Amino acid sequence: MKSGYYLIARGWMDNPVFSSSRSFDRRSAWIWIIENSAFKDTRQDVLGKTVVVPRGNLICSLKHLVREWNWSEKAVRSFLKRLEKEEMIRISTGLGKTQIYVINY
């Protein structure tokens, strides 16, 4: 793997140039996770409770990911499990929704 980093502006995926009715590929889904993770500690309403979402975390439902990526629920679950196995994310469901922690965010 190459080393180093590059910056990309949040919101680039919303640009009409990239819009499509097609499903996300795995690379796009991974970038979506990174782009939608909290860039600083934030407060978010989760099922009627205010919780602190730490930097590098994302809280959402699997149904939300299904809609966003246009994938089946099984495909979303499998992809998240693969990312977890590859030690790219950690997953927790203790809040009633899926909390994704991006490792090395």
Protein backbone atom coordinates (compact mmCIF):
# COMPACT_ATOMS: atom_id res chain seq x y z
CA MET A 1 0.00 0.00 0.00
CA LYS A 2 1.18 3.53 -0.73
CA SER A 3 1.90 5.77 2.20
CA GLY A 4 0.79 9.32 2.87
CA TYR A 5 -2.51 11.13 2.92
CA TYR A 6 -4.55 13.50 0.83
CA LEU A 7 -7.36 15.88 1.68
CA ILE A 8 -10.77 15.78 0.08
CA ALA A 9 -13.55 18.24 0.87
CA ARG A 10 -16.67 16.97 2.64
CA GLY A 11 -19.72 17.07 0.43
CA TRP A 12 -17.94 16.15 -2.79
CA MET A 13 -20.19 13.10 -3.17
CA ASP A 14 -23.21 15.43 -3.41
CA ASN A 15 -21.84 17.10 -6.53
CA PRO A 16 -24.19 16.46 -9.50
CA VAL A 17 -21.23 15.26 -11.56
CA PHE A 18 -21.07 12.17 -9.36
CA SER A 19 -24.79 11.60 -8.88
CA SER A 20 -26.22 8.42 -10.25
CA SER A 21 -29.07 6.07 -9.57
CA ARG A 22 -26.59 3.20 -9.45
CA SER A 23 -25.52 1.49 -6.27
CA PHE A 24 -22.32 2.44 -4.50
CA ASP A 25 -19.29 0.26 -5.00
CA ARG A 26 -17.25 -0.74 -1.95
CA ARG A 27 -14.80 2.13 -2.38
CA SER A 28 -17.63 4.67 -2.50
CA ALA A 29 -19.26 3.12 0.58
CA TRP A 30 -15.97 3.33 2.49
CA ILE A 31 -15.51 6.99 1.54
CA TRP A 32 -19.16 7.63 2.50
CA ILE A 33 -18.42 6.24 5.98
CA ILE A 34 -15.37 8.48 6.34
CA GLU A 35 -17.19 11.56 5.02
CA ASN A 36 -20.17 11.05 7.32
CA SER A 37 -18.15 10.32 10.46
CA ALA A 38 -17.97 13.11 13.01
CA PHE A 39 -14.94 15.31 12.35
CA LYS A 40 -15.09 16.51 15.97
CA ASP A 41 -17.01 15.39 19.06
CA THR A 42 -20.65 16.25 18.42
CA ARG A 43 -24.01 15.80 20.10
CA GLN A 44 -26.68 13.86 18.26
CA ASP A 45 -30.22 12.74 19.02
CA VAL A 46 -30.35 8.96 18.99
CA LEU A 47 -33.80 7.50 19.56
CA GLY A 48 -34.86 10.43 21.75
CA LYS A 49 -31.63 10.64 23.78
CA THR A 50 -28.82 13.11 23.28
CA VAL A 51 -25.50 11.29 22.97
CA VAL A 52 -21.97 12.47 22.33
CA VAL A 53 -20.64 11.12 19.07
CA PRO A 54 -16.84 11.09 19.33
CA ARG A 55 -14.59 12.21 16.49
CA GLY A 56 -14.29 9.45 13.89
CA ASN A 57 -17.64 7.87 14.80
CA LEU A 58 -20.87 7.56 12.89
CA ILE A 59 -24.24 6.56 14.31
CA CYS A 60 -26.93 5.45 11.89
CA SER A 61 -29.30 2.61 11.21
CA LEU A 62 -28.61 -0.24 8.82
CA LYS A 63 -31.74 0.82 6.95
CA HIS A 64 -30.17 4.23 6.39
CA LEU A 65 -27.08 2.61 4.87
CA VAL A 66 -29.28 0.37 2.72
CA ARG A 67 -31.02 3.48 1.32
CA GLU A 68 -27.85 5.53 0.92
CA TRP A 69 -25.83 2.85 -0.83
CA ASN A 70 -28.73 1.16 -2.63
CA TRP A 71 -27.60 -2.22 -1.32
CA SER A 72 -29.43 -5.08 0.33
CA GLU A 73 -29.30 -5.30 4.13
CA LYS A 74 -27.28 -8.52 3.81
CA ALA A 75 -24.71 -6.74 1.60
CA VAL A 76 -24.40 -3.86 4.08
CA ARG A 77 -23.93 -6.25 7.01
CA SER A 78 -21.35 -8.29 5.09
CA PHE A 79 -19.40 -5.19 4.08
CA LEU A 80 -19.36 -3.81 7.62
CA LYS A 81 -18.21 -7.20 8.96
CA ARG A 82 -15.44 -7.28 6.37
CA LEU A 83 -14.27 -3.78 7.32
CA GLU A 84 -14.30 -4.87 10.96
CA LYS A 85 -12.33 -8.03 10.18
CA GLU A 86 -9.78 -5.94 8.27
CA GLU A 87 -9.53 -3.69 11.36
CA MET A 88 -10.72 -0.61 9.47
CA ILE A 89 -13.75 -0.07 11.74
CA ARG A 90 -15.25 -1.24 15.01
CA ILE A 91 -19.00 -1.68 15.34
CA SER A 92 -21.24 -1.30 18.36
CA THR A 93 -25.02 -1.58 18.53
CA GLY A 94 -25.51 -0.60 22.17
CA LEU A 95 -27.39 2.62 21.41
CA GLY A 96 -30.19 0.94 19.46
CA LYS A 97 -28.52 1.98 16.22
CA THR A 98 -25.25 1.01 14.63
CA GLN A 99 -22.24 2.96 15.85
CA ILE A 100 -19.27 2.78 13.50
CA TYR A 101 -15.85 3.78 14.80
CA VAL A 102 -13.36 4.45 12.01
CA ILE A 103 -9.95 3.21 13.13
CA ASN A 104 -7.10 5.66 12.48
CA TYR A 105 -9.61 8.36 11.49
